[in-house]
Amino acid sequence: FDDDKTGEDRWHYLARASAAFSPAWRGRMRLER
């Protein structure tokens, strides 16, 4: 919250997920900002 050096809010997030729909099929997700 309100970096004393820059005067701005600073943030980072990373979301990761995976799913096994069946032995042959998988899903993956990655979101980073």
All heavy atoms as atom14 arrays in JSON, in Angstrom:
{
  "sequence": "FDDDKTGEDRWHYLARASAAFSPAWRGRMRLER",
  "atom14_mask": [
    [1, 1, 1, 1, 1, 1, 1, 1, 1, 1, 1, 0, 0, 0],
    [1, 1, 1, 1, 1, 1, 1, 1, 0, 0, 0, 0, 0, 0],
    [1, 1, 1, 1, 1, 1, 1, 1, 0, 0, 0, 0, 0, 0],
    [1, 1, 1, 1, 1, 1, 1, 1, 0, 0, 0, 0, 0, 0],
    [1, 1, 1, 1, 1, 1, 1, 1, 1, 0, 0, 0, 0, 0],
    [1, 1, 1, 1, 1, 1, 1, 0, 0, 0, 0, 0, 0, 0],
    [1, 1, 1, 1, 0, 0, 0, 0, 0, 0, 0, 0, 0, 0],
    [1, 1, 1, 1, 1, 1, 1, 1, 1, 0, 0, 0, 0, 0],
    [1, 1, 1, 1, 1, 1, 1, 1, 0, 0, 0, 0, 0, 0],
    [1, 1, 1, 1, 1, 1, 1, 1, 1, 1, 1, 0, 0, 0],
    [1, 1, 1, 1, 1, 1, 1, 1, 1, 1, 1, 1, 1, 1],
    [1, 1, 1, 1, 1, 1, 1, 1, 1, 1, 0, 0, 0, 0],
    [1, 1, 1, 1, 1, 1, 1, 1, 1, 1, 1, 1, 0, 0],
    [1, 1, 1, 1, 1, 1, 1, 1, 0, 0, 0, 0, 0, 0],
    [1, 1, 1, 1, 1, 0, 0, 0, 0, 0, 0, 0, 0, 0],
    [1, 1, 1, 1, 1, 1, 1, 1, 1, 1, 1, 0, 0, 0],
    [1, 1, 1, 1, 1, 0, 0, 0, 0, 0, 0, 0, 0, 0],
    [1, 1, 1, 1, 1, 1, 0, 0, 0, 0, 0, 0, 0, 0],
    [1, 1, 1, 1, 1, 0, 0, 0, 0, 0, 0, 0, 0, 0],
    [1, 1, 1, 1, 1, 0, 0, 0, 0, 0, 0, 0, 0, 0],
    [1, 1, 1, 1, 1, 1, 1, 1, 1, 1, 1, 0, 0, 0],
    [1, 1, 1, 1, 1, 1, 0, 0, 0, 0, 0, 0, 0, 0],
    [1, 1, 1, 1, 1, 1, 1, 0, 0, 0, 0, 0, 0, 0],
    [1, 1, 1, 1, 1, 0, 0, 0, 0, 0, 0, 0, 0, 0],
    [1, 1, 1, 1, 1, 1, 1, 1, 1, 1, 1, 1, 1, 1],
    [1, 1, 1, 1, 1, 1, 1, 1, 1, 1, 1, 0, 0, 0],
    [1, 1, 1, 1, 0, 0, 0, 0, 0, 0, 0, 0, 0, 0],
    [1, 1, 1, 1, 1, 1, 1, 1, 1, 1, 1, 0, 0, 0],
    [1, 1, 1, 1, 1, 1, 1, 1, 0, 0, 0, 0, 0, 0],
    [1, 1, 1, 1, 1, 1, 1, 1, 1, 1, 1, 0, 0, 0],
    [1, 1, 1, 1, 1, 1, 1, 1, 0, 0, 0, 0, 0, 0],
    [1, 1, 1, 1, 1, 1, 1, 1, 1, 0, 0, 0, 0, 0],
    [1, 1, 1, 1, 1, 1, 1, 1, 1, 1, 1, 0, 0, 0]
  ],
  "atom14_positions": [
    [[0.83, -1.19, 0.0], [0.0, 0.0, 0.0], [0.88, 1.26, 0.0], [1.63, 1.5, 0.94], [-0.91, 0.01, 1.23], [-1.85, -1.15, 1.28], [-1.47, -2.34, 1.87], [-3.12, -1.06, 0.72], [-2.33, -3.41, 1.92], [-3.99, -2.13, 0.77], [-3.6, -3.31, 1.36], [0.0, 0.0, 0.0], [0.0, 0.0, 0.0], [0.0, 0.0, 0.0]],
    [[0.79, 2.05, -1.06], [1.4, 3.37, -1.12], [2.89, 3.3, -0.76], [3.31, 3.73, 0.32], [0.66, 4.33, -0.2], [1.1, 5.78, -0.41], [1.67, 6.06, -1.48], [0.86, 6.61, 0.49], [0.0, 0.0, 0.0], [0.0, 0.0, 0.0], [0.0, 0.0, 0.0], [0.0, 0.0, 0.0], [0.0, 0.0, 0.0], [0.0, 0.0, 0.0]],
    [[3.68, 2.77, -1.67], [5.12, 2.65, -1.48], [5.69, 4.03, -1.12], [5.52, 5.01, -1.85], [5.75, 2.13, -2.77], [7.21, 1.76, -2.6], [7.88, 2.35, -1.74], [7.69, 0.88, -3.33], [0.0, 0.0, 0.0], [0.0, 0.0, 0.0], [0.0, 0.0, 0.0], [0.0, 0.0, 0.0], [0.0, 0.0, 0.0], [0.0, 0.0, 0.0]],
    [[6.4, 4.09, 0.02], [6.96, 5.36, 0.48], [8.01, 5.91, -0.47], [8.27, 7.12, -0.47], [7.57, 5.18, 1.88], [6.52, 4.91, 2.93], [5.33, 5.19, 2.66], [6.88, 4.4, 4.01], [0.0, 0.0, 0.0], [0.0, 0.0, 0.0], [0.0, 0.0, 0.0], [0.0, 0.0, 0.0], [0.0, 0.0, 0.0], [0.0, 0.0, 0.0]],
    [[8.63, 5.05, -1.29], [9.67, 5.51, -2.21], [9.08, 5.95, -3.55], [9.57, 6.91, -4.16], [10.71, 4.41, -2.44], [11.66, 4.21, -1.27], [12.84, 3.34, -1.67], [13.89, 3.3, -0.57], [15.09, 2.53, -0.97], [0.0, 0.0, 0.0], [0.0, 0.0, 0.0], [0.0, 0.0, 0.0], [0.0, 0.0, 0.0], [0.0, 0.0, 0.0]],
    [[8.06, 5.26, -4.04], [7.5, 5.58, -5.36], [6.19, 6.33, -5.27], [5.76, 6.93, -6.27], [7.29, 4.29, -6.17], [6.27, 3.49, -5.55], [8.58, 3.49, -6.26], [0.0, 0.0, 0.0], [0.0, 0.0, 0.0], [0.0, 0.0, 0.0], [0.0, 0.0, 0.0], [0.0, 0.0, 0.0], [0.0, 0.0, 0.0], [0.0, 0.0, 0.0]],
    [[5.5, 6.26, -4.12], [4.21, 6.91, -3.98], [3.08, 6.17, -4.66], [1.97, 6.7, -4.81], [0.0, 0.0, 0.0], [0.0, 0.0, 0.0], [0.0, 0.0, 0.0], [0.0, 0.0, 0.0], [0.0, 0.0, 0.0], [0.0, 0.0, 0.0], [0.0, 0.0, 0.0], [0.0, 0.0, 0.0], [0.0, 0.0, 0.0], [0.0, 0.0, 0.0]],
    [[3.31, 4.91, -5.1], [2.31, 4.13, -5.79], [2.08, 2.8, -5.08], [2.94, 2.32, -4.34], [2.74, 3.87, -7.24], [2.93, 5.12, -8.08], [3.44, 4.81, -9.47], [3.8, 3.63, -9.71], [3.48, 5.73, -10.31], [0.0, 0.0, 0.0], [0.0, 0.0, 0.0], [0.0, 0.0, 0.0], [0.0, 0.0, 0.0], [0.0, 0.0, 0.0]],
    [[0.9, 2.21, -5.34], [0.64, 0.87, -4.85], [1.42, -0.13, -5.7], [1.49, 0.0, -6.93], [-0.86, 0.55, -4.92], [-1.67, 1.39, -3.95], [-1.06, 2.04, -3.09], [-2.91, 1.39, -4.06], [0.0, 0.0, 0.0], [0.0, 0.0, 0.0], [0.0, 0.0, 0.0], [0.0, 0.0, 0.0], [0.0, 0.0, 0.0], [0.0, 0.0, 0.0]],
    [[2.0, -1.14, -5.06], [2.78, -2.17, -5.76], [2.14, -3.52, -5.49], [1.78, -3.83, -4.35], [4.23, -2.18, -5.24], [4.89, -0.81, -5.1], [5.31, -0.23, -6.41], [6.31, -1.04, -7.09], [7.63, -1.0, -6.83], [8.09, -0.19, -5.86], [8.48, -1.74, -7.51], [0.0, 0.0, 0.0], [0.0, 0.0, 0.0], [0.0, 0.0, 0.0]],
    [[2.03, -4.35, -6.51], [1.39, -5.65, -6.32], [1.9, -6.66, -7.35], [2.46, -6.31, -8.38], [-0.13, -5.54, -6.42], [-0.64, -4.82, -7.65], [-0.98, -3.51, -7.74], [-0.84, -5.38, -8.95], [-1.39, -3.2, -9.01], [-1.32, -4.33, -9.79], [-0.68, -6.64, -9.5], [-1.63, -4.54, -11.13], [-0.98, -6.85, -10.84], [-1.46, -5.8, -11.64]],
    [[1.68, -7.93, -7.02], [2.03, -9.05, -7.89], [1.14, -10.22, -7.54], [0.83, -10.45, -6.36], [3.5, -9.44, -7.7], [3.85, -10.77, -8.33], [4.06, -11.92, -7.59], [4.0, -11.13, -9.63], [4.34, -12.92, -8.4], [4.32, -12.47, -9.64], [0.0, 0.0, 0.0], [0.0, 0.0, 0.0], [0.0, 0.0, 0.0], [0.0, 0.0, 0.0]],
    [[0.7, -10.96, -8.55], [-0.05, -12.19, -8.26], [0.3, -13.25, -9.3], [0.66, -12.96, -10.44], [-1.56, -11.96, -8.22], [-2.21, -11.53, -9.51], [-2.58, -12.45, -10.49], [-2.48, -10.18, -9.76], [-3.19, -12.06, -11.66], [-3.08, -9.78, -10.93], [-3.43, -10.72, -11.88], [-4.03, -10.32, -13.05], [0.0, 0.0, 0.0], [0.0, 0.0, 0.0]],
    [[0.2, -14.49, -8.86], [0.46, -15.66, -9.7], [-0.55, -16.73, -9.33], [-0.59, -17.19, -8.18], [1.88, -16.18, -9.5], [2.23, -17.53, -10.15], [2.06, -17.45, -11.66], [3.64, -17.96, -9.78], [0.0, 0.0, 0.0], [0.0, 0.0, 0.0], [0.0, 0.0, 0.0], [0.0, 0.0, 0.0], [0.0, 0.0, 0.0], [0.0, 0.0, 0.0]],
    [[-1.38, -17.12, -10.29], [-2.38, -18.17, -10.09], [-2.02, -19.34, -10.99], [-1.77, -19.16, -12.19], [-3.77, -17.65, -10.41], [0.0, 0.0, 0.0], [0.0, 0.0, 0.0], [0.0, 0.0, 0.0], [0.0, 0.0, 0.0], [0.0, 0.0, 0.0], [0.0, 0.0, 0.0], [0.0, 0.0, 0.0], [0.0, 0.0, 0.0], [0.0, 0.0, 0.0]],
    [[-2.02, -20.54, -10.42], [-1.72, -21.76, -11.18], [-2.76, -22.82, -10.85], [-3.16, -22.97, -9.7], [-0.34, -22.29, -10.83], [0.82, -21.4, -11.26], [2.09, -21.76, -10.54], [2.02, -21.39, -9.13], [2.88, -21.79, -8.21], [3.88, -22.58, -8.54], [2.76, -21.41, -6.96], [0.0, 0.0, 0.0], [0.0, 0.0, 0.0], [0.0, 0.0, 0.0]],
    [[-3.18, -23.55, -11.88], [-4.17, -24.6, -11.68], [-3.95, -25.69, -12.72], [-3.49, -25.42, -13.84], [-5.59, -24.05, -11.78], [0.0, 0.0, 0.0], [0.0, 0.0, 0.0], [0.0, 0.0, 0.0], [0.0, 0.0, 0.0], [0.0, 0.0, 0.0], [0.0, 0.0, 0.0], [0.0, 0.0, 0.0], [0.0, 0.0, 0.0], [0.0, 0.0, 0.0]],
    [[-4.26, -26.92, -12.34], [-4.21, -28.04, -13.27], [-5.35, -28.99, -12.96], [-5.83, -29.06, -11.82], [-2.87, -28.78, -13.19], [-2.7, -29.35, -11.9], [0.0, 0.0, 0.0], [0.0, 0.0, 0.0], [0.0, 0.0, 0.0], [0.0, 0.0, 0.0], [0.0, 0.0, 0.0], [0.0, 0.0, 0.0], [0.0, 0.0, 0.0], [0.0, 0.0, 0.0]],
    [[-5.79, -29.72, -13.98], [-6.91, -30.65, -13.81], [-6.67, -31.86, -14.7], [-6.19, -31.72, -15.84], [-8.23, -29.97, -14.17], [0.0, 0.0, 0.0], [0.0, 0.0, 0.0], [0.0, 0.0, 0.0], [0.0, 0.0, 0.0], [0.0, 0.0, 0.0], [0.0, 0.0, 0.0], [0.0, 0.0, 0.0], [0.0, 0.0, 0.0], [0.0, 0.0, 0.0]],
    [[-6.99, -33.03, -14.19], [-6.91, -34.28, -14.96], [-8.34, -34.7, -15.29], [-9.06, -35.19, -14.43], [-6.19, -35.36, -14.16], [0.0, 0.0, 0.0], [0.0, 0.0, 0.0], [0.0, 0.0, 0.0], [0.0, 0.0, 0.0], [0.0, 0.0, 0.0], [0.0, 0.0, 0.0], [0.0, 0.0, 0.0], [0.0, 0.0, 0.0], [0.0, 0.0, 0.0]],
    [[-8.75, -34.47, -16.54], [-10.1, -34.82, -16.94], [-10.26, -36.33, -17.12], [-11.33, -36.89, -16.89], [-10.46, -34.1, -18.24], [-10.24, -32.62, -18.18], [-9.35, -32.0, -19.04], [-10.91, -31.83, -17.25], [-9.12, -30.64, -18.99], [-10.69, -30.46, -17.19], [-9.8, -29.87, -18.07], [0.0, 0.0, 0.0], [0.0, 0.0, 0.0], [0.0, 0.0, 0.0]],
    [[-9.18, -36.97, -17.54], [-9.16, -38.42, -17.75], [-7.69, -38.83, -17.82], [-6.8, -37.96, -17.83], [-9.89, -38.79, -19.04], [-9.16, -38.36, -20.17], [0.0, 0.0, 0.0], [0.0, 0.0, 0.0], [0.0, 0.0, 0.0], [0.0, 0.0, 0.0], [0.0, 0.0, 0.0], [0.0, 0.0, 0.0], [0.0, 0.0, 0.0], [0.0, 0.0, 0.0]],
    [[-7.39, -40.13, -17.91], [-5.97, -40.51, -18.04], [-5.29, -39.92, -19.26], [-4.08, -39.75, -19.27], [-6.04, -42.05, -18.13], [-7.3, -42.41, -17.4], [-8.26, -41.3, -17.69], [0.0, 0.0, 0.0], [0.0, 0.0, 0.0], [0.0, 0.0, 0.0], [0.0, 0.0, 0.0], [0.0, 0.0, 0.0], [0.0, 0.0, 0.0], [0.0, 0.0, 0.0]],
    [[-6.05, -39.56, -20.3], [-5.46, -39.06, -21.54], [-5.5, -37.54, -21.67], [-4.8, -36.98, -22.5], [-6.14, -39.69, -22.75], [0.0, 0.0, 0.0], [0.0, 0.0, 0.0], [0.0, 0.0, 0.0], [0.0, 0.0, 0.0], [0.0, 0.0, 0.0], [0.0, 0.0, 0.0], [0.0, 0.0, 0.0], [0.0, 0.0, 0.0], [0.0, 0.0, 0.0]],
    [[-6.32, -36.86, -20.88], [-6.53, -35.42, -21.07], [-6.27, -34.65, -19.79], [-6.7, -35.06, -18.71], [-7.97, -35.16, -21.54], [-8.22, -35.65, -22.93], [-8.69, -36.88, -23.29], [-7.98, -34.93, -24.13], [-8.77, -36.98, -24.65], [-8.34, -35.78, -25.21], [-7.51, -33.65, -24.42], [-8.24, -35.4, -26.53], [-7.41, -33.26, -25.75], [-7.77, -34.13, -26.79]],
    [[-5.54, -33.53, -19.94], [-5.23, -32.65, -18.81], [-5.43, -31.2, -19.22], [-5.3, -30.85, -20.4], [-3.78, -32.84, -18.34], [-3.46, -34.18, -17.74], [-2.07, -34.18, -17.15], [-1.94, -33.21, -16.08], [-2.23, -33.47, -14.81], [-2.66, -34.67, -14.46], [-2.08, -32.56, -13.88], [0.0, 0.0, 0.0], [0.0, 0.0, 0.0], [0.0, 0.0, 0.0]],
    [[-5.71, -30.37, -18.23], [-5.81, -28.94, -18.44], [-4.89, -28.2, -17.49], [-4.69, -28.64, -16.34], [0.0, 0.0, 0.0], [0.0, 0.0, 0.0], [0.0, 0.0, 0.0], [0.0, 0.0, 0.0], [0.0, 0.0, 0.0], [0.0, 0.0, 0.0], [0.0, 0.0, 0.0], [0.0, 0.0, 0.0], [0.0, 0.0, 0.0], [0.0, 0.0, 0.0]],
    [[-4.33, -27.09, -17.95], [-3.43, -26.29, -17.12], [-3.72, -24.81, -17.32], [-4.14, -24.4, -18.41], [-1.96, -26.57, -17.45], [-1.5, -27.98, -17.13], [-0.04, -28.17, -17.49], [0.47, -29.47, -17.12], [0.38, -30.55, -17.88], [-0.21, -30.48, -19.06], [0.88, -31.7, -17.47], [0.0, 0.0, 0.0], [0.0, 0.0, 0.0], [0.0, 0.0, 0.0]],
    [[-3.46, -24.03, -16.27], [-3.66, -22.59, -16.34], [-2.6, -21.9, -15.52], [-2.23, -22.35, -14.43], [-5.06, -22.22, -15.82], [-5.41, -20.74, -15.96], [-4.78, -19.72, -14.58], [-5.82, -20.27, -13.24], [0.0, 0.0, 0.0], [0.0, 0.0, 0.0], [0.0, 0.0, 0.0], [0.0, 0.0, 0.0], [0.0, 0.0, 0.0], [0.0, 0.0, 0.0]],
    [[-2.09, -20.78, -16.04], [-1.13, -19.95, -15.31], [-1.43, -18.5, -15.65], [-1.5, -18.13, -16.84], [0.31, -20.3, -15.7], [1.36, -19.39, -15.04], [2.74, -19.65, -15.62], [3.73, -18.73, -15.07], [4.48, -18.98, -14.02], [4.35, -20.13, -13.38], [5.36, -18.09, -13.59], [0.0, 0.0, 0.0], [0.0, 0.0, 0.0], [0.0, 0.0, 0.0]],
    [[-1.6, -17.68, -14.61], [-1.88, -16.26, -14.8], [-0.98, -15.48, -13.87], [-1.04, -15.65, -12.65], [-3.35, -15.96, -14.51], [-3.79, -14.5, -14.63], [-3.6, -14.01, -16.06], [-5.24, -14.34, -14.19], [0.0, 0.0, 0.0], [0.0, 0.0, 0.0], [0.0, 0.0, 0.0], [0.0, 0.0, 0.0], [0.0, 0.0, 0.0], [0.0, 0.0, 0.0]],
    [[-0.12, -14.61, -14.44], [0.82, -13.83, -13.64], [0.84, -12.39, -14.12], [0.95, -12.13, -15.32], [2.23, -14.42, -13.71], [3.22, -13.73, -12.78], [4.57, -14.39, -12.74], [4.87, -15.2, -13.64], [5.34, -14.11, -11.8], [0.0, 0.0, 0.0], [0.0, 0.0, 0.0], [0.0, 0.0, 0.0], [0.0, 0.0, 0.0], [0.0, 0.0, 0.0]],
    [[0.73, -11.47, -13.2], [0.78, -10.05, -13.51], [1.48, -9.31, -12.37], [1.52, -9.78, -11.22], [-0.63, -9.48, -13.71], [-1.3, -9.9, -15.01], [-0.59, -9.27, -16.2], [-1.23, -9.58, -17.47], [-0.91, -10.62, -18.23], [0.01, -11.47, -17.82], [-1.5, -10.79, -19.4], [0.0, 0.0, 0.0], [0.0, 0.0, 0.0], [0.0, 0.0, 0.0]]
  ]
}
